[in-house]
Amino acid sequence: MNQEVILQEKDQLDEPEATKVNTTAEEMEGYRIVVAILRRKLPISRIVHRDTQSYFGILLDDNNRKPICRLHFNGGKKYIGLFDSERNEQRHLIQSIDDIYGFEEALLETIKLYE
């Protein structure tokens, strides 16, 4: 019985700390907009999201070497980060998540880089 208590305490120590990443409904809505734009050219299964503390990343083929865009919604202002042919990110200020639709051509150009 004493040994059982020790094992339980050890298991509790091995649990990872609570994550500081908080995926918001707004980030998920932005992801769905990007999917809606790209689904005409790609199967939905190839478009994946990963949230981090500093940005919400949208990737092709779940590969961090194939970033499609990043959503920076955690600060006071909202930005969409788009990538050029050298994978340099350029942030663009947006007023609302609906503004993502205005970047359709840039998003389509980005996925062409990886095909």
PDB file of N, CA and C in Angstrom:
ATOM      1  N   MET A   1       0.821  -1.189   0.000  1.00  0.00           N
ATOM      2  CA  MET A   1       0.000   0.000   0.000  1.00  0.00           C
ATOM      3  C   MET A   1       0.864   1.251   0.000  1.00  0.00           C
ATOM      4  N   ASN A   2       1.923   1.243   0.769  1.00  0.00           N
ATOM      5  CA  ASN A   2       2.835   2.372   0.811  1.00  0.00           C
ATOM      6  C   ASN A   2       3.509   2.578  -0.550  1.00  0.00           C
ATOM      7  N   GLN A   3       3.885   1.492  -1.194  1.00  0.00           N
ATOM      8  CA  GLN A   3       4.517   1.553  -2.513  1.00  0.00           C
ATOM      9  C   GLN A   3       3.559   2.150  -3.550  1.00  0.00           C
ATOM     10  N   GLU A   4       2.290   1.850  -3.428  1.00  0.00           N
ATOM     11  CA  GLU A   4       1.283   2.363  -4.358  1.00  0.00           C
ATOM     12  C   GLU A   4       1.207   3.887  -4.299  1.00  0.00           C
ATOM     13  N   VAL A   5       1.284   4.443  -3.122  1.00  0.00           N
ATOM     14  CA  VAL A   5       1.243   5.897  -2.942  1.00  0.00           C
ATOM     15  C   VAL A   5       2.462   6.530  -3.607  1.00  0.00           C
ATOM     16  N   ILE A   6       3.615   5.943  -3.444  1.00  0.00           N
ATOM     17  CA  ILE A   6       4.838   6.473  -4.053  1.00  0.00           C
ATOM     18  C   ILE A   6       4.727   6.473  -5.576  1.00  0.00           C
ATOM     19  N   LEU A   7       4.180   5.407  -6.157  1.00  0.00           N
ATOM     20  CA  LEU A   7       4.021   5.341  -7.607  1.00  0.00           C
ATOM     21  C   LEU A   7       3.056   6.406  -8.112  1.00  0.00           C
ATOM     22  N   GLN A   8       1.990   6.643  -7.387  1.00  0.00           N
ATOM     23  CA  GLN A   8       1.040   7.673  -7.792  1.00  0.00           C
ATOM     24  C   GLN A   8       1.702   9.048  -7.787  1.00  0.00           C
ATOM     25  N   GLU A   9       2.494   9.318  -6.771  1.00  0.00           N
ATOM     26  CA  GLU A   9       3.187  10.602  -6.703  1.00  0.00           C
ATOM     27  C   GLU A   9       4.176  10.743  -7.853  1.00  0.00           C
ATOM     28  N   LYS A  10       4.888   9.670  -8.196  1.00  0.00           N
ATOM     29  CA  LYS A  10       5.832   9.704  -9.300  1.00  0.00           C
ATOM     30  C   LYS A  10       5.097   9.981 -10.611  1.00  0.00           C
ATOM     31  N   ASP A  11       3.955   9.324 -10.827  1.00  0.00           N
ATOM     32  CA  ASP A  11       3.179   9.564 -12.045  1.00  0.00           C
ATOM     33  C   ASP A  11       2.760  11.020 -12.152  1.00  0.00           C
ATOM     34  N   GLN A  12       2.406  11.615 -11.057  1.00  0.00           N
ATOM     35  CA  GLN A  12       2.004  13.017 -11.075  1.00  0.00           C
ATOM     36  C   GLN A  12       3.183  13.917 -11.442  1.00  0.00           C
ATOM     37  N   LEU A  13       4.380  13.563 -11.006  1.00  0.00           N
ATOM     38  CA  LEU A  13       5.561  14.346 -11.330  1.00  0.00           C
ATOM     39  C   LEU A  13       5.903  14.254 -12.823  1.00  0.00           C
ATOM     40  N   ASP A  14       5.600  13.119 -13.440  1.00  0.00           N
ATOM     41  CA  ASP A  14       5.926  12.919 -14.847  1.00  0.00           C
ATOM     42  C   ASP A  14       4.951  13.613 -15.808  1.00  0.00           C
ATOM     43  N   GLU A  15       3.821  14.107 -15.307  1.00  0.00           N
ATOM     44  CA  GLU A  15       2.859  14.765 -16.184  1.00  0.00           C
ATOM     45  C   GLU A  15       3.440  16.087 -16.677  1.00  0.00           C
ATOM     46  N   PRO A  16       3.222  16.416 -17.943  1.00  0.00           N
ATOM     47  CA  PRO A  16       3.733  17.685 -18.454  1.00  0.00           C
ATOM     48  C   PRO A  16       2.999  18.864 -17.823  1.00  0.00           C
ATOM     49  N   GLU A  17       3.683  19.998 -17.782  1.00  0.00           N
ATOM     50  CA  GLU A  17       3.054  21.202 -17.255  1.00  0.00           C
ATOM     51  C   GLU A  17       1.888  21.604 -18.141  1.00  0.00           C
ATOM     52  N   ALA A  18       0.957  22.309 -17.572  1.00  0.00           N
ATOM     53  CA  ALA A  18      -0.173  22.798 -18.362  1.00  0.00           C
ATOM     54  C   ALA A  18       0.360  23.723 -19.454  1.00  0.00           C
ATOM     55  N   THR A  19      -0.159  23.552 -20.640  1.00  0.00           N
ATOM     56  CA  THR A  19       0.332  24.334 -21.766  1.00  0.00           C
ATOM     57  C   THR A  19      -0.116  25.789 -21.665  1.00  0.00           C
ATOM     58  N   LYS A  20       0.690  26.676 -22.187  1.00  0.00           N
ATOM     59  CA  LYS A  20       0.359  28.100 -22.204  1.00  0.00           C
ATOM     60  C   LYS A  20      -0.289  28.490 -23.522  1.00  0.00           C
ATOM     61  N   VAL A  21      -0.456  27.534 -24.421  1.00  0.00           N
ATOM     62  CA  VAL A  21      -1.069  27.784 -25.717  1.00  0.00           C
ATOM     63  C   VAL A  21      -2.580  27.747 -25.560  1.00  0.00           C
ATOM     64  N   ASN A  22      -3.243  28.787 -26.038  1.00  0.00           N
ATOM     65  CA  ASN A  22      -4.690  28.862 -25.950  1.00  0.00           C
ATOM     66  C   ASN A  22      -5.248  29.121 -27.347  1.00  0.00           C
ATOM     67  N   THR A  23      -5.801  28.093 -27.954  1.00  0.00           N
ATOM     68  CA  THR A  23      -6.388  28.234 -29.287  1.00  0.00           C
ATOM     69  C   THR A  23      -7.769  28.847 -29.128  1.00  0.00           C
ATOM     70  N   THR A  24      -7.972  29.990 -29.785  1.00  0.00           N
ATOM     71  CA  THR A  24      -9.240  30.708 -29.648  1.00  0.00           C
ATOM     72  C   THR A  24     -10.201  30.337 -30.773  1.00  0.00           C
ATOM     73  N   ALA A  25     -11.455  30.636 -30.557  1.00  0.00           N
ATOM     74  CA  ALA A  25     -12.473  30.418 -31.590  1.00  0.00           C
ATOM     75  C   ALA A  25     -12.165  31.287 -32.814  1.00  0.00           C
ATOM     76  N   GLU A  26     -11.627  32.463 -32.590  1.00  0.00           N
ATOM     77  CA  GLU A  26     -11.280  33.364 -33.689  1.00  0.00           C
ATOM     78  C   GLU A  26     -10.163  32.777 -34.553  1.00  0.00           C
ATOM     79  N   GLU A  27      -9.174  32.145 -33.923  1.00  0.00           N
ATOM     80  CA  GLU A  27      -8.102  31.488 -34.681  1.00  0.00           C
ATOM     81  C   GLU A  27      -8.662  30.338 -35.502  1.00  0.00           C
ATOM     82  N   MET A  28      -9.541  29.556 -34.920  1.00  0.00           N
ATOM     83  CA  MET A  28     -10.134  28.443 -35.656  1.00  0.00           C
ATOM     84  C   MET A  28     -10.998  28.950 -36.814  1.00  0.00           C
ATOM     85  N   GLU A  29     -11.682  30.057 -36.622  1.00  0.00           N
ATOM     86  CA  GLU A  29     -12.474  30.630 -37.713  1.00  0.00           C
ATOM     87  C   GLU A  29     -11.552  31.112 -38.836  1.00  0.00           C
ATOM     88  N   GLY A  30     -10.421  31.720 -38.477  1.00  0.00           N
ATOM     89  CA  GLY A  30      -9.439  32.127 -39.477  1.00  0.00           C
ATOM     90  C   GLY A  30      -8.902  30.934 -40.246  1.00  0.00           C
ATOM     91  N   TYR A  31      -8.638  29.844 -39.538  1.00  0.00           N
ATOM     92  CA  TYR A  31      -8.193  28.599 -40.172  1.00  0.00           C
ATOM     93  C   TYR A  31      -9.235  28.108 -41.176  1.00  0.00           C
ATOM     94  N   ARG A  32     -10.497  28.134 -40.773  1.00  0.00           N
ATOM     95  CA  ARG A  32     -11.558  27.669 -41.673  1.00  0.00           C
ATOM     96  C   ARG A  32     -11.674  28.553 -42.914  1.00  0.00           C
ATOM     97  N   ILE A  33     -11.396  29.837 -42.788  1.00  0.00           N
ATOM     98  CA  ILE A  33     -11.396  30.727 -43.956  1.00  0.00           C
ATOM     99  C   ILE A  33     -10.272  30.340 -44.905  1.00  0.00           C
ATOM    100  N   VAL A  34      -9.080  30.097 -44.362  1.00  0.00           N
ATOM    101  CA  VAL A  34      -7.944  29.682 -45.200  1.00  0.00           C
ATOM    102  C   VAL A  34      -8.261  28.363 -45.891  1.00  0.00           C
ATOM    103  N   VAL A  35      -8.848  27.435 -45.177  1.00  0.00           N
ATOM    104  CA  VAL A  35      -9.232  26.147 -45.776  1.00  0.00           C
ATOM    105  C   VAL A  35     -10.245  26.378 -46.896  1.00  0.00           C
ATOM    106  N   ALA A  36     -11.222  27.260 -46.661  1.00  0.00           N
ATOM    107  CA  ALA A  36     -12.238  27.542 -47.685  1.00  0.00           C
ATOM    108  C   ALA A  36     -11.597  28.107 -48.950  1.00  0.00           C
ATOM    109  N   ILE A  37     -10.574  28.933 -48.794  1.00  0.00           N
ATOM    110  CA  ILE A  37      -9.874  29.516 -49.942  1.00  0.00           C
ATOM    111  C   ILE A  37      -9.088  28.442 -50.690  1.00  0.00           C
ATOM    112  N   LEU A  38      -8.382  27.585 -49.954  1.00  0.00           N
ATOM    113  CA  LEU A  38      -7.450  26.644 -50.572  1.00  0.00           C
ATOM    114  C   LEU A  38      -8.064  25.315 -50.985  1.00  0.00           C
ATOM    115  N   ARG A  39      -9.246  25.017 -50.524  1.00  0.00           N
ATOM    116  CA  ARG A  39      -9.814  23.684 -50.778  1.00  0.00           C
ATOM    117  C   ARG A  39     -10.129  23.437 -52.248  1.00  0.00           C
ATOM    118  N   ARG A  40     -10.218  24.489 -53.042  1.00  0.00           N
ATOM    119  CA  ARG A  40     -10.433  24.296 -54.483  1.00  0.00           C
ATOM    120  C   ARG A  40      -9.194  23.734 -55.155  1.00  0.00           C
ATOM    121  N   LYS A  41      -8.031  23.942 -54.540  1.00  0.00           N
ATOM    122  CA  LYS A  41      -6.765  23.481 -55.121  1.00  0.00           C
ATOM    123  C   LYS A  41      -6.138  22.316 -54.372  1.00  0.00           C
ATOM    124  N   LEU A  42      -6.536  22.105 -53.118  1.00  0.00           N
ATOM    125  CA  LEU A  42      -5.916  21.078 -52.270  1.00  0.00           C
ATOM    126  C   LEU A  42      -6.979  20.276 -51.533  1.00  0.00           C
ATOM    127  N   PRO A  43      -6.696  19.016 -51.252  1.00  0.00           N
ATOM    128  CA  PRO A  43      -7.576  18.279 -50.341  1.00  0.00           C
ATOM    129  C   PRO A  43      -7.483  18.902 -48.943  1.00  0.00           C
ATOM    130  N   ILE A  44      -8.596  18.980 -48.266  1.00  0.00           N
ATOM    131  CA  ILE A  44      -8.625  19.586 -46.932  1.00  0.00           C
ATOM    132  C   ILE A  44      -7.642  18.899 -45.987  1.00  0.00           C
ATOM    133  N   SER A  45      -7.449  17.608 -46.147  1.00  0.00           N
ATOM    134  CA  SER A  45      -6.572  16.851 -45.246  1.00  0.00           C
ATOM    135  C   SER A  45      -5.124  17.333 -45.292  1.00  0.00           C
ATOM    136  N   ARG A  46      -4.730  18.053 -46.333  1.00  0.00           N
ATOM    137  CA  ARG A  46      -3.349  18.542 -46.435  1.00  0.00           C
ATOM    138  C   ARG A  46      -3.140  19.861 -45.709  1.00  0.00           C
ATOM    139  N   ILE A  47      -4.205  20.510 -45.291  1.00  0.00           N
ATOM    140  CA  ILE A  47      -4.123  21.823 -44.637  1.00  0.00           C
ATOM    141  C   ILE A  47      -4.297  21.616 -43.132  1.00  0.00           C
ATOM    142  N   VAL A  48      -3.240  21.889 -42.386  1.00  0.00           N
ATOM    143  CA  VAL A  48      -3.198  21.571 -40.957  1.00  0.00           C
ATOM    144  C   VAL A  48      -2.854  22.828 -40.164  1.00  0.00           C
ATOM    145  N   HIS A  49      -3.341  22.897 -38.938  1.00  0.00           N
ATOM    146  CA  HIS A  49      -2.986  24.035 -38.082  1.00  0.00           C
ATOM    147  C   HIS A  49      -2.188  23.573 -36.876  1.00  0.00           C
ATOM    148  N   ARG A  50      -1.321  24.467 -36.416  1.00  0.00           N
ATOM    149  CA  ARG A  50      -0.565  24.269 -35.173  1.00  0.00           C
ATOM    150  C   ARG A  50      -0.546  25.604 -34.443  1.00  0.00           C
ATOM    151  N   ASP A  51      -0.981  25.577 -33.229  1.00  0.00           N
ATOM    152  CA  ASP A  51      -0.979  26.802 -32.430  1.00  0.00           C
ATOM    153  C   ASP A  51       0.272  26.834 -31.566  1.00  0.00           C
ATOM    154  N   THR A  52       0.851  28.016 -31.441  1.00  0.00           N
ATOM    155  CA  THR A  52       1.994  28.226 -30.565  1.00  0.00           C
ATOM    156  C   THR A  52       1.660  29.404 -29.657  1.00  0.00           C
ATOM    157  N   GLN A  53       2.563  29.738 -28.762  1.00  0.00           N
ATOM    158  CA  GLN A  53       2.319  30.878 -27.884  1.00  0.00           C
ATOM    159  C   GLN A  53       2.289  32.186 -28.653  1.00  0.00           C
ATOM    160  N   SER A  54       3.063  32.308 -29.709  1.00  0.00           N
ATOM    161  CA  SER A  54       3.169  33.594 -30.392  1.00  0.00           C
ATOM    162  C   SER A  54       2.348  33.713 -31.675  1.00  0.00           C
ATOM    163  N   TYR A  55       1.938  32.597 -32.272  1.00  0.00           N
ATOM    164  CA  TYR A  55       1.134  32.668 -33.498  1.00  0.00           C
ATOM    165  C   TYR A  55       0.379  31.367 -33.709  1.00  0.00           C
ATOM    166  N   PHE A  56      -0.596  31.425 -34.615  1.00  0.00           N
ATOM    167  CA  PHE A  56      -1.379  30.263 -35.009  1.00  0.00           C
ATOM    168  C   PHE A  56      -0.939  29.929 -36.427  1.00  0.00           C
ATOM    169  N   GLY A  57      -0.220  28.837 -36.597  1.00  0.00           N
ATOM    170  CA  GLY A  57       0.352  28.485 -37.894  1.00  0.00           C
ATOM    171  C   GLY A  57      -0.553  27.570 -38.703  1.00  0.00           C
ATOM    172  N   ILE A  58      -0.605  27.836 -40.007  1.00  0.00           N
ATOM    173  CA  ILE A  58      -1.334  26.975 -40.928  1.00  0.00           C
ATOM    174  C   ILE A  58      -0.310  26.427 -41.913  1.00  0.00           C
ATOM    175  N   LEU A  59      -0.237  25.083 -41.990  1.00  0.00           N
ATOM    176  CA  LEU A  59       0.821  24.401 -42.722  1.00  0.00           C
ATOM    177  C   LEU A  59       0.270  23.487 -43.808  1.00  0.00           C
ATOM    178  N   LEU A  60       1.100  23.228 -44.792  1.00  0.00           N
ATOM    179  CA  LEU A  60       0.780  22.246 -45.817  1.00  0.00           C
ATOM    180  C   LEU A  60       1.403  20.915 -45.410  1.00  0.00           C
ATOM    181  N   ASP A  61       0.630  19.849 -45.466  1.00  0.00           N
ATOM    182  CA  ASP A  61       1.096  18.490 -45.167  1.00  0.00           C
ATOM    183  C   ASP A  61       1.651  18.328 -43.754  1.00  0.00           C
ATOM    184  N   ASP A  62       1.179  19.132 -42.816  1.00  0.00           N
ATOM    185  CA  ASP A  62       1.638  19.065 -41.428  1.00  0.00           C
ATOM    186  C   ASP A  62       3.158  19.160 -41.348  1.00  0.00           C
ATOM    187  N   ASN A  63       3.734  20.004 -42.189  1.00  0.00           N
ATOM    188  CA  ASN A  63       5.188  20.133 -42.297  1.00  0.00           C
ATOM    189  C   ASN A  63       5.555  21.588 -42.006  1.00  0.00           C
ATOM    190  N   ASN A  64       6.329  21.818 -40.933  1.00  0.00           N
ATOM    191  CA  ASN A  64       6.673  23.197 -40.591  1.00  0.00           C
ATOM    192  C   ASN A  64       7.633  23.838 -41.598  1.00  0.00           C
ATOM    193  N   ARG A  65       8.105  23.072 -42.562  1.00  0.00           N
ATOM    194  CA  ARG A  65       8.907  23.639 -43.652  1.00  0.00           C
ATOM    195  C   ARG A  65       8.034  24.096 -44.815  1.00  0.00           C
ATOM    196  N   LYS A  66       6.718  23.917 -44.655  1.00  0.00           N
ATOM    197  CA  LYS A  66       5.768  24.340 -45.685  1.00  0.00           C
ATOM    198  C   LYS A  66       4.673  25.223 -45.074  1.00  0.00           C
ATOM    199  N   PRO A  67       5.090  26.375 -44.519  1.00  0.00           N
ATOM    200  CA  PRO A  67       4.079  27.246 -43.917  1.00  0.00           C
ATOM    201  C   PRO A  67       3.210  27.906 -44.991  1.00  0.00           C
ATOM    202  N   ILE A  68       1.917  27.919 -44.768  1.00  0.00           N
ATOM    203  CA  ILE A  68       0.999  28.600 -45.675  1.00  0.00           C
ATOM    204  C   ILE A  68       0.813  30.037 -45.195  1.00  0.00           C
ATOM    205  N   CYS A  69       0.499  30.192 -43.918  1.00  0.00           N
ATOM    206  CA  CYS A  69       0.390  31.522 -43.320  1.00  0.00           C
ATOM    207  C   CYS A  69       0.393  31.381 -41.804  1.00  0.00           C
ATOM    208  N   ARG A  70       0.479  32.526 -41.141  1.00  0.00           N
ATOM    209  CA  ARG A  70       0.389  32.565 -39.688  1.00  0.00           C
ATOM    210  C   ARG A  70      -0.634  33.619 -39.310  1.00  0.00           C
ATOM    211  N   LEU A  71      -1.408  33.319 -38.307  1.00  0.00           N
ATOM    212  CA  LEU A  71      -2.369  34.275 -37.787  1.00  0.00           C
ATOM    213  C   LEU A  71      -1.843  34.780 -36.451  1.00  0.00           C
ATOM    214  N   HIS A  72      -1.676  36.076 -36.352  1.00  0.00           N
ATOM    215  CA  HIS A  72      -1.188  36.709 -35.123  1.00  0.00           C
ATOM    216  C   HIS A  72      -2.370  37.456 -34.516  1.00  0.00           C
ATOM    217  N   PHE A  73      -3.120  36.763 -33.669  1.00  0.00           N
ATOM    218  CA  PHE A  73      -4.331  37.333 -33.089  1.00  0.00           C
ATOM    219  C   PHE A  73      -4.212  37.556 -31.585  1.00  0.00           C
ATOM    220  N   ASN A  74      -3.060  37.238 -30.996  1.00  0.00           N
ATOM    221  CA  ASN A  74      -2.934  37.277 -29.540  1.00  0.00           C
ATOM    222  C   ASN A  74      -2.685  38.677 -28.977  1.00  0.00           C
ATOM    223  N   GLY A  75      -2.250  39.615 -29.817  1.00  0.00           N
ATOM    224  CA  GLY A  75      -1.982  40.969 -29.338  1.00  0.00           C
ATOM    225  C   GLY A  75      -3.201  41.861 -29.494  1.00  0.00           C
ATOM    226  N   GLY A  76      -3.000  43.149 -29.370  1.00  0.00           N
ATOM    227  CA  GLY A  76      -4.095  44.107 -29.514  1.00  0.00           C
ATOM    228  C   GLY A  76      -4.579  44.228 -30.947  1.00  0.00           C
ATOM    229  N   LYS A  77      -3.672  44.059 -31.900  1.00  0.00           N
ATOM    230  CA  LYS A  77      -4.025  44.138 -33.316  1.00  0.00           C
ATOM    231  C   LYS A  77      -3.915  42.756 -33.944  1.00  0.00           C
ATOM    232  N   LYS A  78      -4.630  42.587 -35.043  1.00  0.00           N
ATOM    233  CA  LYS A  78      -4.608  41.297 -35.748  1.00  0.00           C
ATOM    234  C   LYS A  78      -3.760  41.417 -37.010  1.00  0.00           C
ATOM    235  N   TYR A  79      -2.960  40.393 -37.260  1.00  0.00           N
ATOM    236  CA  TYR A  79      -2.120  40.340 -38.449  1.00  0.00           C
ATOM    237  C   TYR A  79      -2.239  38.964 -39.088  1.00  0.00           C
ATOM    238  N   ILE A  80      -2.079  38.931 -40.411  1.00  0.00           N
ATOM    239  CA  ILE A  80      -1.869  37.669 -41.111  1.00  0.00           C
ATOM    240  C   ILE A  80      -0.440  37.710 -41.626  1.00  0.00           C
ATOM    241  N   GLY A  81       0.304  36.655 -41.380  1.00  0.00           N
ATOM    242  CA  GLY A  81       1.674  36.553 -41.862  1.00  0.00           C
ATOM    243  C   GLY A  81       1.705  35.693 -43.109  1.00  0.00           C
ATOM    244  N   LEU A  82       2.183  36.274 -44.208  1.00  0.00           N
ATOM    245  CA  LEU A  82       2.280  35.558 -45.481  1.00  0.00           C
ATOM    246  C   LEU A  82       3.745  35.336 -45.815  1.00  0.00           C
ATOM    247  N   PHE A  83       4.012  34.323 -46.628  1.00  0.00           N
ATOM    248  CA  PHE A  83       5.389  33.937 -46.916  1.00  0.00           C
ATOM    249  C   PHE A  83       5.726  34.157 -48.380  1.00  0.00           C
ATOM    250  N   ASP A  84       6.973  34.629 -48.607  1.00  0.00           N
ATOM    251  CA  ASP A  84       7.449  34.789 -49.982  1.00  0.00           C
ATOM    252  C   ASP A  84       8.197  33.521 -50.406  1.00  0.00           C
ATOM    253  N   SER A  85       8.787  33.562 -51.584  1.00  0.00           N
ATOM    254  CA  SER A  85       9.450  32.372 -52.133  1.00  0.00           C
ATOM    255  C   SER A  85      10.648  31.912 -51.292  1.00  0.00           C
ATOM    256  N   GLU A  86      11.199  32.795 -50.464  1.00  0.00           N
ATOM    257  CA  GLU A  86      12.315  32.430 -49.600  1.00  0.00           C
ATOM    258  C   GLU A  86      11.858  32.134 -48.176  1.00  0.00           C
ATOM    259  N   ARG A  87      10.553  31.990 -48.013  1.00  0.00           N
ATOM    260  CA  ARG A  87       9.912  31.691 -46.729  1.00  0.00           C
ATOM    261  C   ARG A  87      10.113  32.788 -45.694  1.00  0.00           C
ATOM    262  N   ASN A  88      10.237  34.015 -46.147  1.00  0.00           N
ATOM    263  CA  ASN A  88      10.275  35.152 -45.233  1.00  0.00           C
ATOM    264  C   ASN A  88       8.837  35.576 -44.965  1.00  0.00           C
ATOM    265  N   GLU A  89       8.526  35.780 -43.706  1.00  0.00           N
ATOM    266  CA  GLU A  89       7.167  36.167 -43.342  1.00  0.00           C
ATOM    267  C   GLU A  89       7.003  37.677 -43.418  1.00  0.00           C
ATOM    268  N   GLN A  90       5.909  38.095 -44.011  1.00  0.00           N
ATOM    269  CA  GLN A  90       5.537  39.510 -44.047  1.00  0.00           C
ATOM    270  C   GLN A  90       4.161  39.625 -43.412  1.00  0.00           C
ATOM    271  N   ARG A  91       4.081  40.430 -42.365  1.00  0.00           N
ATOM    272  CA  ARG A  91       2.812  40.592 -41.652  1.00  0.00           C
ATOM    273  C   ARG A  91       1.986  41.707 -42.279  1.00  0.00           C
ATOM    274  N   HIS A  92       0.691  41.442 -42.356  1.00  0.00           N
ATOM    275  CA  HIS A  92      -0.253  42.414 -42.898  1.00  0.00           C
ATOM    276  C   HIS A  92      -1.346  42.638 -41.850  1.00  0.00           C
ATOM    277  N   LEU A  93      -1.567  43.908 -41.513  1.00  0.00           N
ATOM    278  CA  LEU A  93      -2.588  44.266 -40.538  1.00  0.00           C
ATOM    279  C   LEU A  93      -3.966  43.990 -41.120  1.00  0.00           C
ATOM    280  N   ILE A  94      -4.821  43.351 -40.329  1.00  0.00           N
ATOM    281  CA  ILE A  94      -6.208  43.139 -40.743  1.00  0.00           C
ATOM    282  C   ILE A  94      -7.121  43.692 -39.646  1.00  0.00           C
ATOM    283  N   GLN A  95      -8.262  44.172 -40.048  1.00  0.00           N
ATOM    284  CA  GLN A  95      -9.216  44.720 -39.083  1.00  0.00           C
ATOM    285  C   GLN A  95     -10.109  43.624 -38.506  1.00  0.00           C
ATOM    286  N   SER A  96     -10.459  42.658 -39.359  1.00  0.00           N
ATOM    287  CA  SER A  96     -11.292  41.542 -38.902  1.00  0.00           C
ATOM    288  C   SER A  96     -10.834  40.276 -39.623  1.00  0.00           C
ATOM    289  N   ILE A  97     -11.265  39.142 -39.129  1.00  0.00           N
ATOM    290  CA  ILE A  97     -10.841  37.903 -39.761  1.00  0.00           C
ATOM    291  C   ILE A  97     -11.398  37.758 -41.172  1.00  0.00           C
ATOM    292  N   ASP A  98     -12.484  38.451 -41.476  1.00  0.00           N
ATOM    293  CA  ASP A  98     -13.018  38.424 -42.840  1.00  0.00           C
ATOM    294  C   ASP A  98     -12.039  39.016 -43.850  1.00  0.00           C
ATOM    295  N   ASP A  99     -11.113  39.853 -43.388  1.00  0.00           N
ATOM    296  CA  ASP A  99     -10.104  40.445 -44.280  1.00  0.00           C
ATOM    297  C   ASP A  99      -9.178  39.384 -44.872  1.00  0.00           C
ATOM    298  N   ILE A 100      -9.144  38.197 -44.278  1.00  0.00           N
ATOM    299  CA  ILE A 100      -8.305  37.102 -44.802  1.00  0.00           C
ATOM    300  C   ILE A 100      -8.699  36.787 -46.239  1.00  0.00           C
ATOM    301  N   TYR A 101      -9.978  36.914 -46.573  1.00  0.00           N
ATOM    302  CA  TYR A 101     -10.424  36.643 -47.938  1.00  0.00           C
ATOM    303  C   TYR A 101      -9.707  37.528 -48.960  1.00  0.00           C
ATOM    304  N   GLY A 102      -9.274  38.697 -48.551  1.00  0.00           N
ATOM    305  CA  GLY A 102      -8.549  39.604 -49.440  1.00  0.00           C
ATOM    306  C   GLY A 102      -7.157  39.122 -49.800  1.00  0.00           C
ATOM    307  N   PHE A 103      -6.679  38.105 -49.138  1.00  0.00           N
ATOM    308  CA  PHE A 103      -5.340  37.563 -49.386  1.00  0.00           C
ATOM    309  C   PHE A 103      -5.391  36.246 -50.150  1.00  0.00           C
ATOM    310  N   GLU A 104      -6.493  35.996 -50.813  1.00  0.00           N
ATOM    311  CA  GLU A 104      -6.682  34.739 -51.543  1.00  0.00           C
ATOM    312  C   GLU A 104      -5.562  34.476 -52.537  1.00  0.00           C
ATOM    313  N   GLU A 105      -5.235  35.449 -53.362  1.00  0.00           N
ATOM    314  CA  GLU A 105      -4.190  35.252 -54.380  1.00  0.00           C
ATOM    315  C   GLU A 105      -2.840  34.927 -53.741  1.00  0.00           C
ATOM    316  N   ALA A 106      -2.497  35.631 -52.681  1.00  0.00           N
ATOM    317  CA  ALA A 106      -1.214  35.378 -52.008  1.00  0.00           C
ATOM    318  C   ALA A 106      -1.179  33.979 -51.411  1.00  0.00           C
ATOM    319  N   LEU A 107      -2.282  33.535 -50.839  1.00  0.00           N
ATOM    320  CA  LEU A 107      -2.339  32.191 -50.266  1.00  0.00           C
ATOM    321  C   LEU A 107      -2.206  31.133 -51.355  1.00  0.00           C
ATOM    322  N   LEU A 108      -2.873  31.342 -52.478  1.00  0.00           N
ATOM    323  CA  LEU A 108      -2.767  30.394 -53.589  1.00  0.00           C
ATOM    324  C   LEU A 108      -1.350  30.368 -54.164  1.00  0.00           C
ATOM    325  N   GLU A 109      -0.705  31.516 -54.223  1.00  0.00           N
ATOM    326  CA  GLU A 109       0.685  31.574 -54.701  1.00  0.00           C
ATOM    327  C   GLU A 109       1.619  30.828 -53.745  1.00  0.00           C
ATOM    328  N   THR A 110       1.355  30.932 -52.464  1.00  0.00           N
ATOM    329  CA  THR A 110       2.216  30.256 -51.485  1.00  0.00           C
ATOM    330  C   THR A 110       2.165  28.748 -51.654  1.00  0.00           C
ATOM    331  N   ILE A 111       0.988  28.178 -51.857  1.00  0.00           N
ATOM    332  CA  ILE A 111       0.947  26.722 -52.001  1.00  0.00           C
ATOM    333  C   ILE A 111       1.582  26.270 -53.297  1.00  0.00           C
ATOM    334  N   LYS A 112       1.618  27.130 -54.326  1.00  0.00           N
ATOM    335  CA  LYS A 112       2.308  26.781 -55.572  1.00  0.00           C
ATOM    336  C   LYS A 112       3.800  26.599 -55.337  1.00  0.00           C
ATOM    337  N   LEU A 113       4.354  27.302 -54.355  1.00  0.00           N
ATOM    338  CA  LEU A 113       5.786  27.177 -54.056  1.00  0.00           C
ATOM    339  C   LEU A 113       6.167  25.768 -53.626  1.00  0.00           C
ATOM    340  N   TYR A 114       5.236  25.045 -53.038  1.00  0.00           N
ATOM    341  CA  TYR A 114       5.522  23.729 -52.480  1.00  0.00           C
ATOM    342  C   TYR A 114       5.129  22.582 -53.409  1.00  0.00           C
ATOM    343  N   GLU A 115       4.452  22.874 -54.477  1.00  0.00           N
ATOM    344  CA  GLU A 115       3.975  21.810 -55.377  1.00  0.00           C
ATOM    345  C   GLU A 115       5.032  21.470 -56.422  1.00  0.00           C
TER     346      GLU A 115
END
